């Protein structure tokens, strides 16, 4: 089952993007061209999960904790660009996305400190470990993983969408890799860094991760 990538309003996202540009005193004309490029990238058919709906959900999560953020604009730009380059078969998506974000944000005349922070936050999603010792990096990592702590049904849709993105892998290879990643998250003392997300999502996230591991083990054993 594929996560519905059309549960968002393009106009809603467009309004959010241009509000961000205006708040940042950015080049609006160029910003329109970049918005088109962003939409085109996130609508790639290979993206069963890492699509515009994912961006919308991150932006919504960020909005919930804007009162503890140091720079809401850093978080919003990070949301828009963190998965701009995405191929399940590539190794350097985050690095390439950070490079692209740096180039484009410079063209938009965004403040250099914001650009630097955005690039570091994007790179921190490689291992989902903060690279900046400040709250916005923690907020973004939590928002990016908020899906882990959703209801069981929504988590199932998410896990099925991720499997669809990795359609090129055999079940055996996919399950081995996926199980390793899930166990790494479970082994952490905390999945969520900020108290806001920890208190609301941690227990459900651990329940969901363990349920997926159990299902993977059943699938593996049934094919032995």
Protein backbone atom coordinates (compact mmCIF):
# COMPACT_ATOMS: atom_id res chain seq x y z
CA UNK A 1 0.00 0.00 0.00
CA UNK A 2 1.35 3.40 -0.94
CA UNK A 3 1.16 6.44 1.28
CA UNK A 4 -1.16 8.88 -0.48
CA UNK A 5 1.12 11.64 -1.70
CA UNK A 6 -1.82 13.89 -2.56
CA UNK A 7 -3.13 14.57 0.94
CA UNK A 8 -1.71 18.04 0.75
CA UNK A 9 -2.60 21.25 -0.97
CA UNK A 10 -0.08 22.56 -3.48
CA UNK A 11 -1.44 26.02 -2.81
CA UNK A 12 -0.88 25.54 0.92
CA UNK A 13 2.73 24.59 0.31
CA UNK A 14 3.22 27.40 -2.18
CA UNK A 15 1.91 29.95 0.31
CA UNK A 16 4.25 28.57 2.97
CA UNK A 17 7.24 28.75 0.60
CA UNK A 18 6.62 32.33 -0.46
CA UNK A 19 5.96 33.45 3.12
CA UNK A 20 9.37 32.00 3.95
CA UNK A 21 11.00 33.86 1.06
CA UNK A 22 9.42 37.16 2.09
CA UNK A 23 10.48 36.72 5.71
CA UNK A 24 14.02 36.06 4.48
CA UNK A 25 14.10 39.02 2.07
CA UNK A 26 14.85 36.56 -0.72
CA UNK A 27 14.73 36.96 -4.48
CA UNK A 28 11.04 36.21 -5.16
CA UNK A 29 11.35 35.78 -8.93
CA UNK A 30 14.11 33.22 -8.55
CA UNK A 31 12.21 31.71 -5.65
CA UNK A 32 9.32 30.91 -7.96
CA UNK A 33 11.62 28.95 -10.29
CA UNK A 34 13.08 27.08 -7.33
CA UNK A 35 9.61 26.24 -6.05
CA UNK A 36 8.80 24.63 -9.40
CA UNK A 37 12.02 22.60 -9.16
CA UNK A 38 11.19 21.51 -5.61
CA UNK A 39 7.69 20.37 -6.59
CA UNK A 40 9.06 18.50 -9.59
CA UNK A 41 11.64 16.70 -7.47
CA UNK A 42 9.30 15.70 -4.65
CA UNK A 43 6.69 14.44 -7.14
CA UNK A 44 9.09 11.92 -8.68
CA UNK A 45 7.16 8.61 -8.96
CA UNK A 46 9.92 6.76 -7.08
CA UNK A 47 9.01 8.70 -3.95
CA UNK A 48 6.36 6.65 -2.21
CA UNK A 49 7.20 8.28 1.12
CA UNK A 50 9.82 11.01 0.64
CA UNK A 51 7.38 13.24 -1.21
CA UNK A 52 5.46 16.49 -0.70
CA UNK A 53 3.29 14.95 1.99
CA UNK A 54 6.46 14.27 3.99
CA UNK A 55 7.49 17.91 3.61
CA UNK A 56 4.05 19.10 4.69
CA UNK A 57 4.15 16.90 7.78
CA UNK A 58 7.59 18.15 8.77
CA UNK A 59 6.47 21.76 8.36
CA UNK A 60 3.44 21.02 10.54
CA UNK A 61 5.62 19.40 13.20
CA UNK A 62 7.98 22.36 13.18
CA UNK A 63 5.06 24.71 13.67
CA UNK A 64 4.14 22.87 16.88
CA UNK A 65 7.48 23.74 18.49
CA UNK A 66 8.19 27.14 16.98
CA UNK A 67 8.20 28.69 20.45
CA UNK A 68 11.42 26.83 21.35
CA UNK A 69 13.16 27.32 18.01
CA UNK A 70 16.05 29.72 17.55
CA UNK A 71 15.38 30.20 13.85
CA UNK A 72 12.14 29.04 12.31
CA UNK A 73 13.48 29.96 8.88
CA UNK A 74 16.41 27.58 9.30
CA UNK A 75 13.99 24.79 10.11
CA UNK A 76 11.70 25.57 7.19
CA UNK A 77 14.49 25.77 4.64
CA UNK A 78 15.87 22.51 6.02
CA UNK A 79 12.47 20.89 5.55
CA UNK A 80 12.23 21.98 1.94
CA UNK A 81 15.73 20.93 0.90
CA UNK A 82 16.68 17.96 3.08
CA UNK A 83 15.37 15.35 0.62
CA UNK A 84 15.60 17.39 -2.57
CA UNK A 85 18.08 14.86 -3.97
CA UNK A 86 16.68 11.41 -3.31
CA UNK A 87 17.29 8.05 -4.91
CA UNK A 88 16.92 4.82 -2.90
CA UNK A 89 19.82 3.42 -4.92
CA UNK A 90 22.21 6.31 -4.19
CA UNK A 91 24.60 6.68 -1.24
CA UNK A 92 25.04 10.44 -1.01
CA UNK A 93 21.52 11.87 -1.11
CA UNK A 94 21.97 14.00 2.00
CA UNK A 95 25.34 15.34 0.92
CA UNK A 96 24.03 16.19 -2.53
CA UNK A 97 20.95 17.82 -1.02
CA UNK A 98 23.10 19.93 1.31
CA UNK A 99 25.29 21.04 -1.60
CA UNK A 100 22.22 21.95 -3.65
CA UNK A 101 20.63 23.83 -0.75
CA UNK A 102 23.82 25.82 -0.18
CA UNK A 103 24.02 26.83 -3.84
CA UNK A 104 20.37 27.76 -4.18
CA UNK A 105 20.10 29.64 -0.89
CA UNK A 106 23.14 31.72 -1.85
CA UNK A 107 21.40 32.58 -5.13
CA UNK A 108 18.34 33.61 -3.14
CA UNK A 109 20.51 35.97 -1.05
CA UNK A 110 19.78 34.15 2.19
CA UNK A 111 21.93 35.05 5.20
CA UNK A 112 25.18 33.07 5.28
CA UNK A 113 24.61 31.85 8.85
CA UNK A 114 21.21 30.45 7.91
CA UNK A 115 22.70 28.68 4.90
CA UNK A 116 25.44 27.13 7.02
CA UNK A 117 22.93 25.90 9.61
CA UNK A 118 20.62 24.44 6.97
CA UNK A 119 23.47 22.51 5.35
CA UNK A 120 24.59 21.09 8.70
CA UNK A 121 21.05 20.06 9.62
CA UNK A 122 20.61 18.29 6.30
CA UNK A 123 23.90 16.45 6.82
CA UNK A 124 22.82 15.45 10.33
CA UNK A 125 20.03 13.35 8.81
CA UNK A 126 22.63 10.91 7.43
CA UNK A 127 22.89 9.20 10.83
CA UNK A 128 20.12 11.15 12.56
CA UNK A 129 22.65 12.52 15.01
CA UNK A 130 22.91 16.30 15.62
CA UNK A 131 25.92 18.09 14.15
CA UNK A 132 25.03 21.43 15.72
CA UNK A 133 24.88 21.99 19.46
CA UNK A 134 21.66 23.93 19.35
CA UNK A 135 17.93 23.31 19.54
CA UNK A 136 17.02 23.67 15.86
CA UNK A 137 19.07 20.64 14.85
CA UNK A 138 17.32 18.59 17.54
CA UNK A 139 13.89 19.85 16.51
CA UNK A 140 14.47 18.99 12.87
CA UNK A 141 15.67 15.47 13.56
CA UNK A 142 12.62 14.85 15.72
CA UNK A 143 10.23 16.31 13.14
CA UNK A 144 11.79 14.17 10.42
CA UNK A 145 11.14 11.04 12.51
CA UNK A 146 7.72 12.03 13.85
CA UNK A 147 6.19 9.41 11.55
CA UNK A 148 7.69 6.69 13.77
CA UNK A 149 5.43 7.69 16.64
CA UNK A 150 2.15 7.84 14.75
CA UNK A 151 -0.73 5.38 15.02
CA UNK A 152 -0.13 1.77 14.12
CA UNK A 153 -2.14 2.06 10.91
CA UNK A 154 -0.28 5.13 9.70
CA UNK A 155 3.05 3.58 10.61
CA UNK A 156 2.14 0.51 8.58
CA UNK A 157 1.43 2.72 5.57
CA UNK A 158 4.79 4.40 6.10
CA UNK A 159 6.72 1.11 6.35
CA UNK A 160 5.01 -0.21 3.22
CA UNK A 161 5.85 3.00 1.36
CA UNK A 162 9.52 2.68 2.34
CA UNK A 163 9.51 -0.90 1.07
CA UNK A 164 8.06 0.31 -2.21
CA UNK A 165 10.87 2.84 -2.60
CA UNK A 166 13.35 0.00 -2.30
CA UNK A 167 11.55 -2.19 -4.82
CA UNK A 168 14.89 -2.94 -6.49
CA UNK A 169 15.99 -5.02 -3.49
CA UNK A 170 14.96 -8.60 -2.86
CA UNK A 171 12.89 -9.24 0.26
CA UNK A 172 15.87 -10.90 1.90
CA UNK A 173 18.25 -7.99 1.28
CA UNK A 174 15.66 -5.37 2.19
CA UNK A 175 14.60 -7.06 5.41
CA UNK A 176 18.18 -7.51 6.57
CA UNK A 177 18.99 -3.84 6.03
CA UNK A 178 15.70 -2.56 7.40
CA UNK A 179 15.90 -4.69 10.54
CA UNK A 180 19.40 -3.37 11.26
CA UNK A 181 18.21 0.25 10.99
CA UNK A 182 15.15 -0.34 13.19
CA UNK A 183 17.26 -2.01 15.88
CA UNK A 184 19.69 0.90 15.85
CA UNK A 185 16.86 3.28 16.68
CA UNK A 186 15.53 0.99 19.40
CA UNK A 187 19.00 0.77 20.95
CA UNK A 188 19.10 4.50 21.54
CA UNK A 189 18.43 5.83 24.98
CA UNK A 190 16.00 8.24 23.34
CA UNK A 191 14.70 8.26 19.79
CA UNK A 192 13.52 11.86 20.17
CA UNK A 193 15.88 14.54 21.42
CA UNK A 194 13.43 17.25 22.45
CA UNK A 195 11.11 16.79 25.42
CA UNK A 196 8.12 17.85 23.31
CA UNK A 197 8.43 14.97 20.84
CA UNK A 198 9.82 12.54 23.41
CA UNK A 199 6.83 12.88 25.70
CA UNK A 200 4.32 12.57 22.87
CA UNK A 201 5.86 10.00 20.53
CA UNK A 202 8.60 7.96 22.17
CA UNK A 203 6.54 5.07 23.56
CA UNK A 204 4.45 4.65 20.42
CA UNK A 205 7.53 4.86 18.22
CA UNK A 206 9.21 2.04 20.13
CA UNK A 207 6.04 -0.03 19.90
CA UNK A 208 5.84 0.55 16.13
CA UNK A 209 9.50 -0.25 15.54
CA UNK A 210 9.30 -3.47 17.51
CA UNK A 211 6.12 -4.48 15.68
CA UNK A 212 7.84 -4.02 12.33
CA UNK A 213 10.85 -6.03 13.49
CA UNK A 214 8.52 -8.82 14.59
CA UNK A 215 6.79 -8.79 11.22
CA UNK A 216 10.12 -8.88 9.40
CA UNK A 217 11.26 -11.87 11.45
CA UNK A 218 8.01 -13.68 10.68
CA UNK A 219 8.48 -13.00 6.98
CA UNK A 220 12.09 -14.19 7.06
CA UNK A 221 11.21 -17.38 8.97
CA UNK A 222 8.30 -18.19 6.67
CA UNK A 223 10.67 -18.08 3.69
CA UNK A 224 13.35 -20.27 5.25
